[in-house]
N, C-alpha and C. Protein backbone atom coordinates (compact mmCIF):
# COMPACT_ATOMS: atom_id res chain seq x y z
N UNK A 1 7.33 -18.60 -22.36
CA UNK A 1 6.16 -18.64 -21.49
C UNK A 1 6.37 -17.67 -20.32
N UNK A 2 5.42 -16.73 -20.11
CA UNK A 2 5.58 -15.78 -18.99
C UNK A 2 5.66 -16.50 -17.65
N UNK A 3 6.53 -15.99 -16.77
CA UNK A 3 6.72 -16.58 -15.45
C UNK A 3 5.98 -15.74 -14.42
N UNK A 4 5.12 -16.37 -13.65
CA UNK A 4 4.32 -15.64 -12.67
C UNK A 4 4.62 -16.16 -11.27
N UNK A 5 4.75 -15.24 -10.32
CA UNK A 5 4.96 -15.59 -8.92
C UNK A 5 3.63 -15.47 -8.20
N UNK A 6 3.34 -16.41 -7.33
CA UNK A 6 2.08 -16.41 -6.58
C UNK A 6 2.36 -15.97 -5.15
N UNK A 7 1.65 -14.92 -4.71
CA UNK A 7 1.86 -14.41 -3.35
C UNK A 7 0.58 -14.56 -2.53
N UNK A 8 0.74 -15.14 -1.34
CA UNK A 8 -0.40 -15.31 -0.43
C UNK A 8 0.04 -14.88 0.97
N UNK A 9 -0.90 -14.40 1.74
CA UNK A 9 -0.58 -13.96 3.11
C UNK A 9 -1.79 -14.15 4.00
N UNK A 10 -1.53 -14.56 5.24
CA UNK A 10 -2.56 -14.58 6.28
C UNK A 10 -2.01 -13.85 7.49
N UNK A 11 -2.89 -13.19 8.24
CA UNK A 11 -2.46 -12.35 9.35
C UNK A 11 -2.10 -13.13 10.60
N UNK A 12 -2.74 -14.28 10.81
CA UNK A 12 -2.47 -15.06 12.01
C UNK A 12 -2.02 -16.47 11.62
N UNK A 13 -1.30 -17.10 12.52
CA UNK A 13 -0.74 -18.42 12.21
C UNK A 13 -1.81 -19.50 12.14
N UNK A 14 -2.99 -19.27 12.74
CA UNK A 14 -4.03 -20.31 12.69
C UNK A 14 -4.91 -20.20 11.43
N UNK A 15 -4.65 -19.18 10.59
CA UNK A 15 -5.39 -19.07 9.33
C UNK A 15 -4.65 -19.88 8.25
N UNK A 16 -5.36 -20.20 7.18
CA UNK A 16 -4.77 -21.03 6.12
C UNK A 16 -4.75 -20.27 4.80
N UNK A 17 -3.74 -20.56 3.99
CA UNK A 17 -3.60 -19.91 2.69
C UNK A 17 -4.08 -20.82 1.56
N UNK A 18 -4.61 -22.00 1.90
CA UNK A 18 -5.00 -22.98 0.87
C UNK A 18 -5.94 -22.39 -0.17
N UNK A 19 -6.96 -21.64 0.28
CA UNK A 19 -7.92 -21.05 -0.66
C UNK A 19 -7.26 -20.07 -1.61
N UNK A 20 -6.37 -19.23 -1.07
CA UNK A 20 -5.66 -18.26 -1.91
C UNK A 20 -4.80 -18.98 -2.95
N UNK A 21 -4.02 -19.96 -2.49
CA UNK A 21 -3.11 -20.66 -3.40
C UNK A 21 -3.88 -21.45 -4.45
N UNK A 22 -4.99 -22.05 -4.08
CA UNK A 22 -5.80 -22.80 -5.05
C UNK A 22 -6.26 -21.88 -6.19
N UNK A 23 -6.78 -20.69 -5.81
CA UNK A 23 -7.26 -19.73 -6.82
C UNK A 23 -6.11 -19.24 -7.70
N UNK A 24 -4.96 -18.99 -7.10
CA UNK A 24 -3.81 -18.49 -7.85
C UNK A 24 -3.25 -19.55 -8.81
N UNK A 25 -3.17 -20.78 -8.34
CA UNK A 25 -2.68 -21.87 -9.21
C UNK A 25 -3.63 -22.09 -10.38
N UNK A 26 -4.95 -22.03 -10.09
CA UNK A 26 -5.95 -22.22 -11.16
C UNK A 26 -5.82 -21.12 -12.20
N UNK A 27 -5.59 -19.88 -11.75
CA UNK A 27 -5.41 -18.75 -12.67
C UNK A 27 -4.20 -19.00 -13.59
N UNK A 28 -3.06 -19.37 -12.98
CA UNK A 28 -1.84 -19.60 -13.77
C UNK A 28 -2.03 -20.74 -14.76
N UNK A 29 -2.67 -21.81 -14.32
CA UNK A 29 -2.87 -22.97 -15.19
C UNK A 29 -3.80 -22.63 -16.36
N UNK A 30 -4.89 -21.89 -16.06
CA UNK A 30 -5.87 -21.56 -17.10
C UNK A 30 -5.24 -20.69 -18.19
N UNK A 31 -4.20 -19.91 -17.84
CA UNK A 31 -3.57 -19.02 -18.83
C UNK A 31 -2.25 -19.57 -19.36
N UNK A 32 -1.92 -20.77 -18.96
CA UNK A 32 -0.69 -21.38 -19.45
C UNK A 32 0.57 -20.67 -19.01
N UNK A 33 0.55 -20.16 -17.77
CA UNK A 33 1.70 -19.43 -17.25
C UNK A 33 2.60 -20.36 -16.44
N UNK A 34 3.88 -20.13 -16.51
CA UNK A 34 4.83 -20.90 -15.70
C UNK A 34 4.88 -20.27 -14.31
N UNK A 35 4.68 -21.08 -13.27
CA UNK A 35 4.73 -20.57 -11.90
C UNK A 35 6.20 -20.50 -11.48
N UNK A 36 6.67 -19.28 -11.29
CA UNK A 36 8.08 -19.06 -10.93
C UNK A 36 8.33 -19.36 -9.45
N UNK A 37 7.28 -19.43 -8.66
CA UNK A 37 7.43 -19.71 -7.24
C UNK A 37 6.20 -19.30 -6.47
N UNK A 38 6.03 -19.91 -5.30
CA UNK A 38 4.93 -19.55 -4.39
C UNK A 38 5.55 -18.91 -3.16
N UNK A 39 5.10 -17.73 -2.82
CA UNK A 39 5.66 -16.96 -1.72
C UNK A 39 4.54 -16.75 -0.71
N UNK A 40 4.72 -17.28 0.49
CA UNK A 40 3.64 -17.26 1.48
C UNK A 40 4.14 -16.67 2.80
N UNK A 41 3.44 -15.65 3.28
CA UNK A 41 3.72 -15.07 4.60
C UNK A 41 2.64 -15.54 5.56
N UNK A 42 3.03 -16.28 6.59
CA UNK A 42 2.10 -16.77 7.62
C UNK A 42 2.19 -15.88 8.84
N UNK A 43 1.04 -15.46 9.36
CA UNK A 43 1.02 -14.71 10.60
C UNK A 43 1.73 -13.39 10.54
N UNK A 44 1.63 -12.71 9.39
CA UNK A 44 2.29 -11.41 9.24
C UNK A 44 1.25 -10.38 8.82
N UNK A 45 1.19 -9.28 9.52
CA UNK A 45 0.23 -8.22 9.20
C UNK A 45 0.56 -7.58 7.86
N UNK A 46 -0.50 -7.23 7.11
CA UNK A 46 -0.31 -6.53 5.85
C UNK A 46 0.18 -5.11 6.04
N UNK A 47 0.06 -4.60 7.27
CA UNK A 47 0.53 -3.24 7.54
C UNK A 47 2.05 -3.17 7.55
N UNK A 48 2.71 -4.32 7.69
CA UNK A 48 4.17 -4.33 7.72
C UNK A 48 4.71 -4.31 6.30
N UNK A 49 5.56 -3.34 6.02
CA UNK A 49 6.16 -3.26 4.68
C UNK A 49 7.19 -4.38 4.48
N UNK A 50 7.88 -4.79 5.57
CA UNK A 50 8.88 -5.84 5.48
C UNK A 50 8.26 -7.16 5.93
N UNK A 51 8.23 -8.12 5.03
CA UNK A 51 7.72 -9.47 5.32
C UNK A 51 8.64 -10.46 4.65
N UNK A 52 8.97 -11.58 5.30
CA UNK A 52 9.97 -12.51 4.73
C UNK A 52 9.67 -12.95 3.30
N UNK A 53 8.46 -13.47 3.05
CA UNK A 53 8.16 -13.97 1.71
C UNK A 53 8.07 -12.83 0.70
N UNK A 54 7.48 -11.72 1.09
CA UNK A 54 7.38 -10.57 0.18
C UNK A 54 8.77 -10.04 -0.16
N UNK A 55 9.67 -10.01 0.84
CA UNK A 55 11.04 -9.57 0.59
C UNK A 55 11.74 -10.49 -0.43
N UNK A 56 11.55 -11.82 -0.28
CA UNK A 56 12.14 -12.77 -1.24
C UNK A 56 11.55 -12.57 -2.63
N UNK A 57 10.23 -12.34 -2.67
CA UNK A 57 9.54 -12.13 -3.94
C UNK A 57 10.11 -10.91 -4.66
N UNK A 58 10.27 -9.81 -3.94
CA UNK A 58 10.79 -8.58 -4.56
C UNK A 58 12.26 -8.77 -4.98
N UNK A 59 13.02 -9.52 -4.18
CA UNK A 59 14.42 -9.78 -4.55
C UNK A 59 14.47 -10.57 -5.86
N UNK A 60 13.58 -11.55 -6.02
CA UNK A 60 13.53 -12.33 -7.26
C UNK A 60 13.07 -11.47 -8.44
N UNK A 61 12.15 -10.54 -8.17
CA UNK A 61 11.71 -9.63 -9.24
C UNK A 61 12.87 -8.76 -9.71
N UNK A 62 13.67 -8.29 -8.75
CA UNK A 62 14.83 -7.46 -9.11
C UNK A 62 15.88 -8.25 -9.88
N UNK A 63 15.93 -9.57 -9.62
CA UNK A 63 16.89 -10.43 -10.36
C UNK A 63 16.31 -10.89 -11.69
N UNK A 64 15.14 -10.37 -12.04
CA UNK A 64 14.47 -10.68 -13.32
C UNK A 64 14.11 -12.16 -13.44
N UNK A 65 13.71 -12.75 -12.30
CA UNK A 65 13.34 -14.16 -12.30
C UNK A 65 11.85 -14.37 -12.59
N UNK A 66 11.09 -13.28 -12.72
CA UNK A 66 9.65 -13.41 -12.97
C UNK A 66 9.14 -12.24 -13.80
N UNK A 67 8.00 -12.48 -14.44
CA UNK A 67 7.40 -11.46 -15.31
C UNK A 67 6.15 -10.84 -14.71
N UNK A 68 5.53 -11.53 -13.76
CA UNK A 68 4.30 -11.04 -13.16
C UNK A 68 4.15 -11.59 -11.75
N UNK A 69 3.35 -10.90 -10.93
CA UNK A 69 3.01 -11.34 -9.58
C UNK A 69 1.50 -11.41 -9.49
N UNK A 70 0.99 -12.47 -8.89
CA UNK A 70 -0.45 -12.60 -8.70
C UNK A 70 -0.77 -12.77 -7.22
N UNK A 71 -1.83 -12.09 -6.78
CA UNK A 71 -2.36 -12.29 -5.43
C UNK A 71 -3.88 -12.26 -5.54
N UNK A 72 -4.58 -12.68 -4.50
CA UNK A 72 -6.04 -12.75 -4.60
C UNK A 72 -6.70 -11.39 -4.35
N UNK A 73 -6.14 -10.60 -3.42
CA UNK A 73 -6.70 -9.28 -3.10
C UNK A 73 -5.56 -8.30 -2.86
N UNK A 74 -5.84 -7.03 -3.09
CA UNK A 74 -4.82 -6.00 -2.87
C UNK A 74 -4.34 -5.99 -1.43
N UNK A 75 -5.28 -6.23 -0.47
CA UNK A 75 -4.88 -6.15 0.93
C UNK A 75 -4.00 -7.32 1.36
N UNK A 76 -3.89 -8.35 0.54
CA UNK A 76 -2.93 -9.42 0.82
C UNK A 76 -1.51 -8.89 0.59
N UNK A 77 -1.38 -8.01 -0.41
CA UNK A 77 -0.07 -7.48 -0.80
C UNK A 77 0.32 -6.29 0.08
N UNK A 78 -0.61 -5.36 0.27
CA UNK A 78 -0.31 -4.16 1.05
C UNK A 78 -1.58 -3.60 1.67
N UNK A 79 -1.46 -3.03 2.86
CA UNK A 79 -2.60 -2.43 3.53
C UNK A 79 -2.62 -0.91 3.36
N UNK A 80 -1.43 -0.30 3.24
CA UNK A 80 -1.40 1.16 3.12
C UNK A 80 -1.25 1.56 1.65
N UNK A 81 -1.84 2.67 1.31
CA UNK A 81 -1.76 3.18 -0.06
C UNK A 81 -0.31 3.51 -0.41
N UNK A 82 0.41 4.08 0.55
CA UNK A 82 1.81 4.45 0.30
C UNK A 82 2.63 3.22 -0.07
N UNK A 83 2.47 2.14 0.72
CA UNK A 83 3.21 0.91 0.44
C UNK A 83 2.81 0.34 -0.92
N UNK A 84 1.52 0.36 -1.19
CA UNK A 84 1.01 -0.19 -2.44
C UNK A 84 1.54 0.58 -3.64
N UNK A 85 1.51 1.90 -3.57
CA UNK A 85 1.98 2.69 -4.71
C UNK A 85 3.50 2.57 -4.89
N UNK A 86 4.23 2.44 -3.77
CA UNK A 86 5.68 2.24 -3.85
C UNK A 86 5.99 0.91 -4.54
N UNK A 87 5.26 -0.14 -4.10
CA UNK A 87 5.43 -1.46 -4.73
C UNK A 87 5.11 -1.41 -6.22
N UNK A 88 3.98 -0.78 -6.54
CA UNK A 88 3.54 -0.70 -7.94
C UNK A 88 4.56 0.03 -8.80
N UNK A 89 5.12 1.12 -8.27
CA UNK A 89 6.12 1.89 -9.03
C UNK A 89 7.37 1.05 -9.28
N UNK A 90 7.79 0.29 -8.24
CA UNK A 90 8.98 -0.54 -8.42
C UNK A 90 8.71 -1.66 -9.43
N UNK A 91 7.53 -2.30 -9.32
CA UNK A 91 7.21 -3.38 -10.25
C UNK A 91 7.13 -2.86 -11.68
N UNK A 92 6.56 -1.67 -11.83
CA UNK A 92 6.46 -1.07 -13.17
C UNK A 92 7.85 -0.80 -13.74
N UNK A 93 8.76 -0.28 -12.89
CA UNK A 93 10.12 0.00 -13.34
C UNK A 93 10.86 -1.29 -13.72
N UNK A 94 10.51 -2.39 -13.03
CA UNK A 94 11.15 -3.68 -13.33
C UNK A 94 10.49 -4.41 -14.50
N UNK A 95 9.37 -3.86 -14.97
CA UNK A 95 8.64 -4.52 -16.06
C UNK A 95 7.88 -5.75 -15.59
N UNK A 96 7.51 -5.77 -14.30
CA UNK A 96 6.77 -6.88 -13.71
C UNK A 96 5.31 -6.47 -13.55
N UNK A 97 4.41 -7.25 -14.13
CA UNK A 97 2.98 -6.94 -14.04
C UNK A 97 2.40 -7.46 -12.72
N UNK A 98 1.29 -6.84 -12.31
CA UNK A 98 0.61 -7.24 -11.10
C UNK A 98 -0.80 -7.69 -11.45
N UNK A 99 -1.18 -8.86 -10.98
CA UNK A 99 -2.52 -9.40 -11.20
C UNK A 99 -3.19 -9.59 -9.84
N UNK A 100 -4.38 -9.01 -9.68
CA UNK A 100 -5.14 -9.17 -8.44
C UNK A 100 -6.48 -9.79 -8.82
N UNK A 101 -6.66 -11.05 -8.45
CA UNK A 101 -7.80 -11.82 -8.95
C UNK A 101 -9.15 -11.24 -8.54
N UNK A 102 -9.38 -11.02 -7.25
CA UNK A 102 -10.71 -10.62 -6.78
C UNK A 102 -11.13 -9.23 -7.26
N UNK A 103 -10.16 -8.36 -7.54
CA UNK A 103 -10.50 -7.02 -8.03
C UNK A 103 -10.32 -6.89 -9.54
N UNK A 104 -10.07 -8.00 -10.20
CA UNK A 104 -9.93 -8.04 -11.66
C UNK A 104 -8.91 -7.02 -12.17
N UNK A 105 -7.79 -6.92 -11.47
CA UNK A 105 -6.73 -6.00 -11.86
C UNK A 105 -5.63 -6.79 -12.57
N UNK A 106 -5.22 -6.29 -13.71
CA UNK A 106 -4.10 -6.87 -14.44
C UNK A 106 -3.36 -5.70 -15.07
N UNK A 107 -2.22 -5.32 -14.48
CA UNK A 107 -1.53 -4.11 -14.94
C UNK A 107 -0.83 -4.29 -16.28
N UNK A 108 -0.96 -5.46 -16.88
CA UNK A 108 -0.43 -5.62 -18.24
C UNK A 108 -1.38 -5.02 -19.27
N UNK A 109 -2.61 -4.66 -18.82
CA UNK A 109 -3.60 -4.06 -19.72
C UNK A 109 -3.85 -2.61 -19.33
N UNK A 110 -4.21 -1.74 -20.28
CA UNK A 110 -4.50 -0.34 -19.95
C UNK A 110 -5.63 -0.21 -18.93
N UNK A 111 -6.71 -1.00 -19.09
CA UNK A 111 -7.83 -0.89 -18.14
C UNK A 111 -7.42 -1.38 -16.76
N UNK A 112 -6.56 -2.39 -16.70
CA UNK A 112 -6.07 -2.88 -15.41
C UNK A 112 -5.22 -1.85 -14.69
N UNK A 113 -4.35 -1.16 -15.45
CA UNK A 113 -3.53 -0.10 -14.86
C UNK A 113 -4.41 1.03 -14.35
N UNK A 114 -5.43 1.40 -15.15
CA UNK A 114 -6.34 2.47 -14.75
C UNK A 114 -7.08 2.10 -13.46
N UNK A 115 -7.61 0.87 -13.39
CA UNK A 115 -8.35 0.43 -12.21
C UNK A 115 -7.44 0.40 -10.99
N UNK A 116 -6.21 -0.06 -11.17
CA UNK A 116 -5.27 -0.12 -10.06
C UNK A 116 -5.02 1.27 -9.48
N UNK A 117 -4.73 2.25 -10.35
CA UNK A 117 -4.46 3.61 -9.88
C UNK A 117 -5.71 4.26 -9.30
N UNK A 118 -6.88 3.94 -9.85
CA UNK A 118 -8.13 4.49 -9.31
C UNK A 118 -8.39 3.97 -7.91
N UNK A 119 -8.22 2.66 -7.71
CA UNK A 119 -8.42 2.08 -6.38
C UNK A 119 -7.44 2.69 -5.37
N UNK A 120 -6.20 2.87 -5.80
CA UNK A 120 -5.21 3.48 -4.92
C UNK A 120 -5.59 4.90 -4.54
N UNK A 121 -6.09 5.67 -5.52
CA UNK A 121 -6.50 7.06 -5.26
C UNK A 121 -7.70 7.11 -4.32
N UNK A 122 -8.67 6.20 -4.52
CA UNK A 122 -9.86 6.16 -3.66
C UNK A 122 -9.45 5.82 -2.23
N UNK A 123 -8.56 4.85 -2.08
CA UNK A 123 -8.10 4.46 -0.74
C UNK A 123 -7.39 5.62 -0.05
N UNK A 124 -6.59 6.37 -0.83
CA UNK A 124 -5.88 7.52 -0.26
C UNK A 124 -6.87 8.61 0.15
N UNK A 125 -7.89 8.86 -0.69
CA UNK A 125 -8.91 9.84 -0.37
C UNK A 125 -9.64 9.44 0.91
N UNK A 126 -9.98 8.16 1.04
CA UNK A 126 -10.67 7.68 2.24
C UNK A 126 -9.82 7.92 3.49
N UNK A 127 -8.53 7.64 3.39
CA UNK A 127 -7.62 7.86 4.52
C UNK A 127 -7.57 9.33 4.90
N UNK A 128 -7.51 10.23 3.90
CA UNK A 128 -7.47 11.67 4.16
C UNK A 128 -8.76 12.15 4.80
N UNK A 129 -9.91 11.63 4.34
CA UNK A 129 -11.20 12.02 4.91
C UNK A 129 -11.32 11.58 6.37
N UNK A 130 -10.84 10.38 6.66
CA UNK A 130 -10.88 9.88 8.04
C UNK A 130 -10.02 10.77 8.93
N UNK A 131 -8.82 11.14 8.44
CA UNK A 131 -7.93 12.01 9.21
C UNK A 131 -8.60 13.37 9.45
N UNK A 132 -9.25 13.92 8.41
CA UNK A 132 -9.91 15.22 8.53
C UNK A 132 -11.07 15.15 9.53
N UNK A 133 -11.87 14.07 9.47
CA UNK A 133 -12.99 13.92 10.40
C UNK A 133 -12.49 13.78 11.84
N UNK A 134 -11.39 13.07 12.02
CA UNK A 134 -10.81 12.89 13.35
C UNK A 134 -10.37 14.22 13.92
N UNK A 135 -9.67 15.02 13.09
CA UNK A 135 -9.22 16.35 13.55
C UNK A 135 -10.40 17.24 13.92
N UNK A 136 -11.44 17.22 13.07
CA UNK A 136 -12.63 18.05 13.34
C UNK A 136 -13.32 17.59 14.62
N UNK A 137 -13.41 16.28 14.83
CA UNK A 137 -14.04 15.75 16.04
C UNK A 137 -13.28 16.14 17.30
N UNK A 138 -11.95 16.07 17.24
CA UNK A 138 -11.13 16.45 18.40
C UNK A 138 -11.27 17.94 18.70
N UNK A 139 -11.29 18.76 17.64
CA UNK A 139 -11.43 20.22 17.83
C UNK A 139 -12.79 20.54 18.47
N UNK A 140 -13.85 19.88 18.00
CA UNK A 140 -15.19 20.11 18.56
C UNK A 140 -15.24 19.68 20.02
N UNK A 141 -14.60 18.56 20.36
CA UNK A 141 -14.59 18.08 21.76
C UNK A 141 -13.84 19.07 22.65
N UNK A 142 -12.72 19.63 22.15
CA UNK A 142 -11.97 20.62 22.94
C UNK A 142 -12.82 21.86 23.20
N UNK A 143 -13.58 22.30 22.16
CA UNK A 143 -14.44 23.48 22.33
C UNK A 143 -15.51 23.23 23.39
N UNK A 144 -15.95 21.98 23.52
CA UNK A 144 -16.96 21.64 24.54
C UNK A 144 -16.34 21.45 25.91
N UNK A 145 -15.01 21.56 25.99
CA UNK A 145 -14.33 21.43 27.27
C UNK A 145 -13.94 20.01 27.64
N UNK A 146 -14.01 19.10 26.67
CA UNK A 146 -13.62 17.72 26.95
C UNK A 146 -12.10 17.65 27.06
N UNK A 147 -11.64 17.00 28.14
CA UNK A 147 -10.19 16.83 28.34
C UNK A 147 -9.67 15.75 27.43
N UNK A 148 -8.54 16.02 26.78
CA UNK A 148 -7.93 15.04 25.89
C UNK A 148 -6.82 14.30 26.62
N UNK A 149 -6.47 13.16 26.12
CA UNK A 149 -5.37 12.40 26.69
C UNK A 149 -5.84 11.47 27.79
N UNK A 150 -4.85 10.87 28.47
CA UNK A 150 -5.17 9.91 29.51
C UNK A 150 -5.80 10.60 30.70
N UNK A 151 -6.74 9.92 31.38
CA UNK A 151 -7.34 10.53 32.57
C UNK A 151 -6.31 10.62 33.70
N UNK A 152 -6.52 11.56 34.62
CA UNK A 152 -5.63 11.71 35.76
C UNK A 152 -5.68 10.45 36.61
N UNK A 153 -4.51 9.99 37.04
CA UNK A 153 -4.46 8.79 37.88
C UNK A 153 -4.94 9.08 39.30
N UNK A 154 -4.82 10.34 39.72
CA UNK A 154 -5.17 10.71 41.09
C UNK A 154 -6.13 11.89 41.11
N UNK A 155 -7.12 11.81 42.00
CA UNK A 155 -7.96 12.98 42.22
C UNK A 155 -7.29 13.83 43.30
N UNK A 156 -7.90 14.96 43.66
CA UNK A 156 -7.28 15.89 44.61
C UNK A 156 -7.06 15.25 45.98
N UNK A 157 -8.03 14.45 46.42
CA UNK A 157 -7.92 13.81 47.74
C UNK A 157 -6.78 12.79 47.77
N UNK A 158 -6.69 11.96 46.71
CA UNK A 158 -5.63 10.96 46.63
C UNK A 158 -4.26 11.62 46.51
N UNK A 159 -4.21 12.73 45.77
CA UNK A 159 -2.93 13.44 45.61
C UNK A 159 -2.46 14.00 46.96
N UNK A 160 -3.40 14.53 47.76
CA UNK A 160 -3.04 15.07 49.08
C UNK A 160 -2.55 13.94 49.99
N UNK A 161 -3.21 12.78 49.92
CA UNK A 161 -2.80 11.63 50.74
C UNK A 161 -1.40 11.17 50.32
N UNK A 162 -1.16 11.16 49.00
CA UNK A 162 0.15 10.75 48.50
C UNK A 162 1.23 11.70 49.03
N UNK A 163 0.94 13.01 49.04
CA UNK A 163 1.91 13.99 49.53
C UNK A 163 2.26 13.71 51.00
N UNK A 164 1.21 13.40 51.78
CA UNK A 164 1.44 13.13 53.20
C UNK A 164 2.30 11.87 53.38
N UNK A 165 2.00 10.84 52.59
CA UNK A 165 2.74 9.58 52.70
C UNK A 165 4.20 9.76 52.28
N UNK A 166 4.43 10.54 51.20
CA UNK A 166 5.80 10.81 50.75
C UNK A 166 6.55 11.59 51.83
N UNK A 167 5.88 12.62 52.41
CA UNK A 167 6.51 13.45 53.44
C UNK A 167 6.85 12.64 54.68
N UNK A 168 6.05 11.59 54.97
CA UNK A 168 6.31 10.77 56.15
C UNK A 168 7.41 9.74 55.92
N UNK A 169 7.90 9.64 54.67
CA UNK A 169 8.98 8.71 54.38
C UNK A 169 8.52 7.30 54.04
N UNK A 170 7.22 7.12 53.77
CA UNK A 170 6.70 5.79 53.41
C UNK A 170 7.32 5.37 52.08
N UNK A 171 7.80 4.12 51.99
CA UNK A 171 8.39 3.64 50.72
C UNK A 171 7.39 3.75 49.56
N UNK A 172 7.92 4.06 48.37
CA UNK A 172 7.06 4.26 47.20
C UNK A 172 6.24 3.02 46.87
N UNK A 173 6.82 1.83 47.04
CA UNK A 173 6.08 0.59 46.75
C UNK A 173 4.85 0.49 47.65
N UNK A 174 5.03 0.85 48.96
CA UNK A 174 3.91 0.78 49.91
C UNK A 174 2.85 1.84 49.57
N UNK A 175 3.29 3.02 49.13
CA UNK A 175 2.34 4.07 48.74
C UNK A 175 1.49 3.60 47.57
N UNK A 176 2.15 2.98 46.59
CA UNK A 176 1.44 2.47 45.41
C UNK A 176 0.38 1.45 45.82
N UNK A 177 0.73 0.56 46.78
CA UNK A 177 -0.22 -0.45 47.25
C UNK A 177 -1.39 0.21 47.97
N UNK A 178 -1.09 1.17 48.83
CA UNK A 178 -2.15 1.83 49.62
C UNK A 178 -3.13 2.60 48.75
N UNK A 179 -2.61 3.26 47.71
CA UNK A 179 -3.46 4.10 46.86
C UNK A 179 -3.99 3.36 45.63
N UNK A 180 -3.48 2.15 45.40
CA UNK A 180 -3.95 1.38 44.23
C UNK A 180 -3.50 1.99 42.92
N UNK A 181 -2.29 2.52 42.90
CA UNK A 181 -1.75 3.12 41.67
C UNK A 181 -0.39 2.49 41.38
N UNK A 182 0.17 2.81 40.22
CA UNK A 182 1.46 2.22 39.84
C UNK A 182 2.60 2.92 40.56
N UNK A 183 3.72 2.19 40.68
CA UNK A 183 4.92 2.79 41.28
C UNK A 183 5.41 3.97 40.44
N UNK A 184 5.20 3.89 39.12
CA UNK A 184 5.61 4.98 38.25
C UNK A 184 4.87 6.27 38.56
N UNK A 185 3.56 6.14 38.83
CA UNK A 185 2.76 7.32 39.18
C UNK A 185 3.27 7.91 40.49
N UNK A 186 3.57 7.06 41.47
CA UNK A 186 4.09 7.54 42.75
C UNK A 186 5.42 8.26 42.53
N UNK A 187 6.29 7.66 41.71
CA UNK A 187 7.61 8.26 41.46
C UNK A 187 7.47 9.62 40.79
N UNK A 188 6.54 9.74 39.82
CA UNK A 188 6.34 11.03 39.14
C UNK A 188 5.82 12.09 40.10
N UNK A 189 4.85 11.71 40.94
CA UNK A 189 4.30 12.67 41.90
C UNK A 189 5.35 13.09 42.92
N UNK A 190 6.15 12.12 43.37
CA UNK A 190 7.21 12.43 44.34
C UNK A 190 8.24 13.38 43.72
N UNK A 191 8.55 13.16 42.44
CA UNK A 191 9.51 14.04 41.75
C UNK A 191 8.94 15.45 41.63
N UNK A 192 7.62 15.55 41.35
CA UNK A 192 6.99 16.88 41.28
C UNK A 192 7.07 17.60 42.62
N UNK A 193 6.83 16.86 43.70
CA UNK A 193 6.89 17.46 45.03
C UNK A 193 8.29 17.97 45.33
N UNK A 194 9.31 17.17 45.01
CA UNK A 194 10.69 17.60 45.24
C UNK A 194 11.02 18.84 44.43
N UNK A 195 10.54 18.87 43.17
CA UNK A 195 10.81 20.03 42.32
C UNK A 195 10.16 21.29 42.88
N UNK A 196 8.93 21.13 43.44
CA UNK A 196 8.25 22.30 44.03
C UNK A 196 9.00 22.82 45.24
N UNK A 197 9.45 21.87 46.07
CA UNK A 197 10.19 22.27 47.28
C UNK A 197 11.49 22.99 46.90
N UNK A 198 12.15 22.45 45.84
CA UNK A 198 13.43 23.04 45.41
C UNK A 198 13.23 24.44 44.85
N UNK A 199 12.06 24.67 44.22
CA UNK A 199 11.78 25.98 43.64
C UNK A 199 11.47 26.95 44.76
């Protein structure tokens, strides 16, 4: 009897995995599969490649303790295409199939493998298009003269006042309070002034 591992994940600790586990158990029971274990990550982002339950699951797969892994959605298993394709390649090398219920993916079948790789390619294309649009948007903003990065903490008047306060020997903490800025900003400006004087 094929052994299947059930993987569920929620991003926050106040969310519940009951719905995911119910669907996964029903799938295994309907197909007469032996459940090799339930692996649940609570309050762990899918963007993280290292997760306690997922790490245990992969360790058991490497020890040949299971034949397949089931999850309800691809994003429960991985959020990035790179992580997903790395996982898929390792599972394929181990001879472990992947079943994703909501997307009707079952890599034990040719159509399931095709759908899995197609979804991965589409997700990668979407990521590349977003990156390209972001670069184009930033370039257009620069051409229009839009300043990039964090806004200046001080305008010219505040910077002149800061210089006077530093020159008078006012403590940096007091300068920060007077100007309503952080001590770090005061320290950076004071260092710039010293560097100018030294030059």
